[in-house]
Amino acid sequence: MNQIQAIAEQHPLLVLILLIWTIAWKGVALWMAARRKDQTWFFWLLIVNTLGIVEIVYIYIFAKKKPEV
């Protein structure tokens, strides 16, 4: 944990960029999941923080599939 803190203290701009990156992808993915009424994805996207990786996968792979009625 001390290494992460040291990196954050040495590179605050990097931390800010990663924060903005994550919030942007999370916001888009949560919005899409909510509009599609995809409760399972919404829950996991809200809970899991992965620097946008899960959100990007959802947006470009799963959200493009048509929901089953």
PDB file of N, CA and C in Angstrom:
ATOM      1  N   MET A   1       0.821  -1.189   0.000  1.00  0.00           N
ATOM      2  CA  MET A   1       0.000   0.000   0.000  1.00  0.00           C
ATOM      3  C   MET A   1       0.867   1.255   0.000  1.00  0.00           C
ATOM      4  N   ASN A   2       2.013   1.195   0.637  1.00  0.00           N
ATOM      5  CA  ASN A   2       2.902   2.347   0.673  1.00  0.00           C
ATOM      6  C   ASN A   2       3.413   2.699  -0.719  1.00  0.00           C
ATOM      7  N   GLN A   3       3.606   1.690  -1.567  1.00  0.00           N
ATOM      8  CA  GLN A   3       4.066   1.952  -2.925  1.00  0.00           C
ATOM      9  C   GLN A   3       3.010   2.693  -3.730  1.00  0.00           C
ATOM     10  N   ILE A   4       1.766   2.310  -3.560  1.00  0.00           N
ATOM     11  CA  ILE A   4       0.677   2.986  -4.268  1.00  0.00           C
ATOM     12  C   ILE A   4       0.560   4.429  -3.798  1.00  0.00           C
ATOM     13  N   GLN A   5       0.668   4.622  -2.512  1.00  0.00           N
ATOM     14  CA  GLN A   5       0.596   5.970  -1.954  1.00  0.00           C
ATOM     15  C   GLN A   5       1.766   6.817  -2.453  1.00  0.00           C
ATOM     16  N   ALA A   6       2.933   6.233  -2.528  1.00  0.00           N
ATOM     17  CA  ALA A   6       4.108   6.968  -3.010  1.00  0.00           C
ATOM     18  C   ALA A   6       3.936   7.371  -4.476  1.00  0.00           C
ATOM     19  N   ILE A   7       3.425   6.462  -5.292  1.00  0.00           N
ATOM     20  CA  ILE A   7       3.187   6.774  -6.701  1.00  0.00           C
ATOM     21  C   ILE A   7       2.153   7.889  -6.822  1.00  0.00           C
ATOM     22  N   ALA A   8       1.088   7.798  -6.032  1.00  0.00           N
ATOM     23  CA  ALA A   8       0.039   8.820  -6.074  1.00  0.00           C
ATOM     24  C   ALA A   8       0.582  10.183  -5.666  1.00  0.00           C
ATOM     25  N   GLU A   9       1.453  10.210  -4.679  1.00  0.00           N
ATOM     26  CA  GLU A   9       2.033  11.476  -4.226  1.00  0.00           C
ATOM     27  C   GLU A   9       3.007  12.041  -5.255  1.00  0.00           C
ATOM     28  N   GLN A  10       3.708  11.178  -5.958  1.00  0.00           N
ATOM     29  CA  GLN A  10       4.675  11.623  -6.960  1.00  0.00           C
ATOM     30  C   GLN A  10       4.008  12.023  -8.275  1.00  0.00           C
ATOM     31  N   HIS A  11       2.850  11.425  -8.560  1.00  0.00           N
ATOM     32  CA  HIS A  11       2.184  11.646  -9.848  1.00  0.00           C
ATOM     33  C   HIS A  11       0.697  11.973  -9.644  1.00  0.00           C
ATOM     34  N   PRO A  12       0.388  13.100  -9.034  1.00  0.00           N
ATOM     35  CA  PRO A  12      -1.029  13.417  -8.784  1.00  0.00           C
ATOM     36  C   PRO A  12      -1.829  13.613 -10.077  1.00  0.00           C
ATOM     37  N   LEU A  13      -1.181  14.071 -11.141  1.00  0.00           N
ATOM     38  CA  LEU A  13      -1.881  14.243 -12.414  1.00  0.00           C
ATOM     39  C   LEU A  13      -2.327  12.889 -12.972  1.00  0.00           C
ATOM     40  N   LEU A  14      -1.494  11.872 -12.828  1.00  0.00           N
ATOM     41  CA  LEU A  14      -1.850  10.528 -13.270  1.00  0.00           C
ATOM     42  C   LEU A  14      -3.079  10.025 -12.512  1.00  0.00           C
ATOM     43  N   VAL A  15      -3.117  10.261 -11.223  1.00  0.00           N
ATOM     44  CA  VAL A  15      -4.262   9.845 -10.409  1.00  0.00           C
ATOM     45  C   VAL A  15      -5.528  10.561 -10.884  1.00  0.00           C
ATOM     46  N   LEU A  16      -5.426  11.843 -11.159  1.00  0.00           N
ATOM     47  CA  LEU A  16      -6.566  12.615 -11.633  1.00  0.00           C
ATOM     48  C   LEU A  16      -7.049  12.099 -12.994  1.00  0.00           C
ATOM     49  N   ILE A  17      -6.130  11.825 -13.888  1.00  0.00           N
ATOM     50  CA  ILE A  17      -6.489  11.304 -15.213  1.00  0.00           C
ATOM     51  C   ILE A  17      -7.187   9.949 -15.087  1.00  0.00           C
ATOM     52  N   LEU A  18      -6.659   9.068 -14.252  1.00  0.00           N
ATOM     53  CA  LEU A  18      -7.285   7.752 -14.050  1.00  0.00           C
ATOM     54  C   LEU A  18      -8.660   7.887 -13.419  1.00  0.00           C
ATOM     55  N   LEU A  19      -8.820   8.827 -12.522  1.00  0.00           N
ATOM     56  CA  LEU A  19     -10.109   9.059 -11.882  1.00  0.00           C
ATOM     57  C   LEU A  19     -11.141   9.531 -12.905  1.00  0.00           C
ATOM     58  N   ILE A  20     -10.768  10.484 -13.719  1.00  0.00           N
ATOM     59  CA  ILE A  20     -11.679  10.997 -14.748  1.00  0.00           C
ATOM     60  C   ILE A  20     -12.020   9.896 -15.750  1.00  0.00           C
ATOM     61  N   TRP A  21     -11.010   9.146 -16.176  1.00  0.00           N
ATOM     62  CA  TRP A  21     -11.199   8.027 -17.103  1.00  0.00           C
ATOM     63  C   TRP A  21     -12.232   7.038 -16.551  1.00  0.00           C
ATOM     64  N   THR A  22     -12.060   6.639 -15.298  1.00  0.00           N
ATOM     65  CA  THR A  22     -12.933   5.647 -14.678  1.00  0.00           C
ATOM     66  C   THR A  22     -14.353   6.170 -14.525  1.00  0.00           C
ATOM     67  N   ILE A  23     -14.501   7.397 -14.054  1.00  0.00           N
ATOM     68  CA  ILE A  23     -15.832   7.967 -13.844  1.00  0.00           C
ATOM     69  C   ILE A  23     -16.581   8.109 -15.173  1.00  0.00           C
ATOM     70  N   ALA A  24     -15.876   8.517 -16.211  1.00  0.00           N
ATOM     71  CA  ALA A  24     -16.526   8.685 -17.510  1.00  0.00           C
ATOM     72  C   ALA A  24     -17.068   7.353 -18.032  1.00  0.00           C
ATOM     73  N   TRP A  25     -16.243   6.328 -18.049  1.00  0.00           N
ATOM     74  CA  TRP A  25     -16.692   5.021 -18.545  1.00  0.00           C
ATOM     75  C   TRP A  25     -17.783   4.442 -17.655  1.00  0.00           C
ATOM     76  N   LYS A  26     -17.628   4.576 -16.349  1.00  0.00           N
ATOM     77  CA  LYS A  26     -18.628   4.050 -15.424  1.00  0.00           C
ATOM     78  C   LYS A  26     -19.961   4.747 -15.636  1.00  0.00           C
ATOM     79  N   GLY A  27     -19.936   6.054 -15.812  1.00  0.00           N
ATOM     80  CA  GLY A  27     -21.174   6.796 -16.028  1.00  0.00           C
ATOM     81  C   GLY A  27     -21.904   6.349 -17.275  1.00  0.00           C
ATOM     82  N   VAL A  28     -21.188   6.203 -18.378  1.00  0.00           N
ATOM     83  CA  VAL A  28     -21.805   5.774 -19.637  1.00  0.00           C
ATOM     84  C   VAL A  28     -22.359   4.354 -19.499  1.00  0.00           C
ATOM     85  N   ALA A  29     -21.580   3.459 -18.921  1.00  0.00           N
ATOM     86  CA  ALA A  29     -22.019   2.067 -18.791  1.00  0.00           C
ATOM     87  C   ALA A  29     -23.227   1.952 -17.864  1.00  0.00           C
ATOM     88  N   LEU A  30     -23.216   2.670 -16.745  1.00  0.00           N
ATOM     89  CA  LEU A  30     -24.365   2.628 -15.839  1.00  0.00           C
ATOM     90  C   LEU A  30     -25.610   3.196 -16.509  1.00  0.00           C
ATOM     91  N   TRP A  31     -25.444   4.271 -17.264  1.00  0.00           N
ATOM     92  CA  TRP A  31     -26.570   4.875 -17.976  1.00  0.00           C
ATOM     93  C   TRP A  31     -27.160   3.882 -18.978  1.00  0.00           C
ATOM     94  N   MET A  32     -26.286   3.215 -19.732  1.00  0.00           N
ATOM     95  CA  MET A  32     -26.762   2.249 -20.724  1.00  0.00           C
ATOM     96  C   MET A  32     -27.462   1.062 -20.050  1.00  0.00           C
ATOM     97  N   ALA A  33     -26.877   0.556 -18.975  1.00  0.00           N
ATOM     98  CA  ALA A  33     -27.475  -0.581 -18.273  1.00  0.00           C
ATOM     99  C   ALA A  33     -28.836  -0.206 -17.683  1.00  0.00           C
ATOM    100  N   ALA A  34     -28.943   0.999 -17.153  1.00  0.00           N
ATOM    101  CA  ALA A  34     -30.217   1.443 -16.580  1.00  0.00           C
ATOM    102  C   ALA A  34     -31.280   1.585 -17.671  1.00  0.00           C
ATOM    103  N   ARG A  35     -30.914   2.156 -18.798  1.00  0.00           N
ATOM    104  CA  ARG A  35     -31.874   2.329 -19.895  1.00  0.00           C
ATOM    105  C   ARG A  35     -32.338   0.988 -20.448  1.00  0.00           C
ATOM    106  N   ARG A  36     -31.446   0.005 -20.409  1.00  0.00           N
ATOM    107  CA  ARG A  36     -31.796  -1.330 -20.917  1.00  0.00           C
ATOM    108  C   ARG A  36     -32.454  -2.193 -19.840  1.00  0.00           C
ATOM    109  N   LYS A  37     -32.607  -1.631 -18.630  1.00  0.00           N
ATOM    110  CA  LYS A  37     -33.186  -2.360 -17.490  1.00  0.00           C
ATOM    111  C   LYS A  37     -32.400  -3.641 -17.195  1.00  0.00           C
ATOM    112  N   ASP A  38     -31.100  -3.539 -17.311  1.00  0.00           N
ATOM    113  CA  ASP A  38     -30.203  -4.675 -17.086  1.00  0.00           C
ATOM    114  C   ASP A  38     -29.674  -4.589 -15.653  1.00  0.00           C
ATOM    115  N   GLN A  39     -30.471  -5.076 -14.707  1.00  0.00           N
ATOM    116  CA  GLN A  39     -30.169  -4.909 -13.289  1.00  0.00           C
ATOM    117  C   GLN A  39     -28.896  -5.610 -12.844  1.00  0.00           C
ATOM    118  N   THR A  40     -28.635  -6.790 -13.380  1.00  0.00           N
ATOM    119  CA  THR A  40     -27.426  -7.523 -12.986  1.00  0.00           C
ATOM    120  C   THR A  40     -26.174  -6.752 -13.387  1.00  0.00           C
ATOM    121  N   TRP A  41     -26.132  -6.297 -14.640  1.00  0.00           N
ATOM    122  CA  TRP A  41     -24.978  -5.514 -15.094  1.00  0.00           C
ATOM    123  C   TRP A  41     -24.864  -4.216 -14.307  1.00  0.00           C
ATOM    124  N   PHE A  42     -25.987  -3.558 -14.063  1.00  0.00           N
ATOM    125  CA  PHE A  42     -25.961  -2.301 -13.318  1.00  0.00           C
ATOM    126  C   PHE A  42     -25.302  -2.512 -11.958  1.00  0.00           C
ATOM    127  N   PHE A  43     -25.709  -3.572 -11.262  1.00  0.00           N
ATOM    128  CA  PHE A  43     -25.141  -3.870  -9.943  1.00  0.00           C
ATOM    129  C   PHE A  43     -23.629  -4.081 -10.029  1.00  0.00           C
ATOM    130  N   TRP A  44     -23.187  -4.922 -10.949  1.00  0.00           N
ATOM    131  CA  TRP A  44     -21.756  -5.221 -11.048  1.00  0.00           C
ATOM    132  C   TRP A  44     -20.944  -4.012 -11.502  1.00  0.00           C
ATOM    133  N   LEU A  45     -21.488  -3.231 -12.411  1.00  0.00           N
ATOM    134  CA  LEU A  45     -20.785  -2.026 -12.857  1.00  0.00           C
ATOM    135  C   LEU A  45     -20.666  -1.020 -11.727  1.00  0.00           C
ATOM    136  N   LEU A  46     -21.671  -0.944 -10.872  1.00  0.00           N
ATOM    137  CA  LEU A  46     -21.657  -0.013  -9.752  1.00  0.00           C
ATOM    138  C   LEU A  46     -20.659  -0.437  -8.688  1.00  0.00           C
ATOM    139  N   ILE A  47     -20.536  -1.729  -8.448  1.00  0.00           N
ATOM    140  CA  ILE A  47     -19.710  -2.247  -7.354  1.00  0.00           C
ATOM    141  C   ILE A  47     -18.244  -2.436  -7.749  1.00  0.00           C
ATOM    142  N   VAL A  48     -17.996  -2.986  -8.929  1.00  0.00           N
ATOM    143  CA  VAL A  48     -16.640  -3.365  -9.321  1.00  0.00           C
ATOM    144  C   VAL A  48     -15.915  -2.171  -9.948  1.00  0.00           C
ATOM    145  N   ASN A  49     -14.738  -1.859  -9.448  1.00  0.00           N
ATOM    146  CA  ASN A  49     -13.912  -0.784  -9.989  1.00  0.00           C
ATOM    147  C   ASN A  49     -12.681  -1.383 -10.656  1.00  0.00           C
ATOM    148  N   THR A  50     -12.595  -1.196 -11.976  1.00  0.00           N
ATOM    149  CA  THR A  50     -11.505  -1.809 -12.742  1.00  0.00           C
ATOM    150  C   THR A  50     -10.881  -0.839 -13.732  1.00  0.00           C
ATOM    151  N   LEU A  51     -10.866   0.432 -13.412  1.00  0.00           N
ATOM    152  CA  LEU A  51     -10.336   1.459 -14.314  1.00  0.00           C
ATOM    153  C   LEU A  51     -11.053   1.468 -15.659  1.00  0.00           C
ATOM    154  N   GLY A  52     -12.331   1.107 -15.630  1.00  0.00           N
ATOM    155  CA  GLY A  52     -13.134   1.185 -16.837  1.00  0.00           C
ATOM    156  C   GLY A  52     -13.133  -0.050 -17.707  1.00  0.00           C
ATOM    157  N   ILE A  53     -12.381  -1.062 -17.370  1.00  0.00           N
ATOM    158  CA  ILE A  53     -12.272  -2.239 -18.227  1.00  0.00           C
ATOM    159  C   ILE A  53     -13.612  -2.961 -18.357  1.00  0.00           C
ATOM    160  N   VAL A  54     -14.275  -3.245 -17.232  1.00  0.00           N
ATOM    161  CA  VAL A  54     -15.567  -3.928 -17.276  1.00  0.00           C
ATOM    162  C   VAL A  54     -16.594  -3.058 -17.990  1.00  0.00           C
ATOM    163  N   GLU A  55     -16.542  -1.751 -17.738  1.00  0.00           N
ATOM    164  CA  GLU A  55     -17.476  -0.837 -18.378  1.00  0.00           C
ATOM    165  C   GLU A  55     -17.307  -0.819 -19.898  1.00  0.00           C
ATOM    166  N   ILE A  56     -16.076  -0.803 -20.350  1.00  0.00           N
ATOM    167  CA  ILE A  56     -15.800  -0.800 -21.786  1.00  0.00           C
ATOM    168  C   ILE A  56     -16.288  -2.099 -22.429  1.00  0.00           C
ATOM    169  N   VAL A  57     -16.048  -3.228 -21.772  1.00  0.00           N
ATOM    170  CA  VAL A  57     -16.522  -4.517 -22.283  1.00  0.00           C
ATOM    171  C   VAL A  57     -18.042  -4.501 -22.391  1.00  0.00           C
ATOM    172  N   TYR A  58     -18.708  -4.011 -21.355  1.00  0.00           N
ATOM    173  CA  TYR A  58     -20.179  -3.954 -21.390  1.00  0.00           C
ATOM    174  C   TYR A  58     -20.655  -3.086 -22.550  1.00  0.00           C
ATOM    175  N   ILE A  59     -20.099  -1.892 -22.684  1.00  0.00           N
ATOM    176  CA  ILE A  59     -20.553  -0.951 -23.703  1.00  0.00           C
ATOM    177  C   ILE A  59     -20.360  -1.514 -25.110  1.00  0.00           C
ATOM    178  N   TYR A  60     -19.201  -2.076 -25.387  1.00  0.00           N
ATOM    179  CA  TYR A  60     -18.891  -2.485 -26.751  1.00  0.00           C
ATOM    180  C   TYR A  60     -19.276  -3.917 -27.101  1.00  0.00           C
ATOM    181  N   ILE A  61     -19.587  -4.747 -26.113  1.00  0.00           N
ATOM    182  CA  ILE A  61     -19.945  -6.135 -26.418  1.00  0.00           C
ATOM    183  C   ILE A  61     -21.385  -6.443 -26.000  1.00  0.00           C
ATOM    184  N   PHE A  62     -21.681  -6.308 -24.713  1.00  0.00           N
ATOM    185  CA  PHE A  62     -22.966  -6.765 -24.201  1.00  0.00           C
ATOM    186  C   PHE A  62     -24.107  -5.787 -24.479  1.00  0.00           C
ATOM    187  N   ALA A  63     -23.855  -4.502 -24.453  1.00  0.00           N
ATOM    188  CA  ALA A  63     -24.930  -3.530 -24.678  1.00  0.00           C
ATOM    189  C   ALA A  63     -25.361  -3.500 -26.143  1.00  0.00           C
ATOM    190  N   LYS A  64     -24.554  -4.015 -27.038  1.00  0.00           N
ATOM    191  CA  LYS A  64     -24.914  -4.034 -28.456  1.00  0.00           C
ATOM    192  C   LYS A  64     -25.864  -5.178 -28.787  1.00  0.00           C
ATOM    193  N   LYS A  65     -25.903  -6.201 -27.918  1.00  0.00           N
ATOM    194  CA  LYS A  65     -26.808  -7.319 -28.145  1.00  0.00           C
ATOM    195  C   LYS A  65     -28.230  -6.865 -27.832  1.00  0.00           C
ATOM    196  N   LYS A  66     -29.173  -7.348 -28.626  1.00  0.00           N
ATOM    197  CA  LYS A  66     -30.569  -6.997 -28.384  1.00  0.00           C
ATOM    198  C   LYS A  66     -31.074  -7.758 -27.181  1.00  0.00           C
ATOM    199  N   PRO A  67     -31.794  -7.061 -26.282  1.00  0.00           N
ATOM    200  CA  PRO A  67     -32.325  -7.752 -25.104  1.00  0.00           C
ATOM    201  C   PRO A  67     -33.387  -8.767 -25.497  1.00  0.00           C
ATOM    202  N   GLU A  68     -33.397  -9.892 -24.796  1.00  0.00           N
ATOM    203  CA  GLU A  68     -34.390 -10.908 -25.046  1.00  0.00           C
ATOM    204  C   GLU A  68     -35.671 -10.515 -24.344  1.00  0.00           C
ATOM    205  N   VAL A  69     -36.776 -10.666 -25.053  1.00  0.00           N
ATOM    206  CA  VAL A  69     -38.074 -10.260 -24.492  1.00  0.00           C
ATOM    207  C   VAL A  69     -38.855 -11.462 -24.055  1.00  0.00           C
TER     208      VAL A  69
END
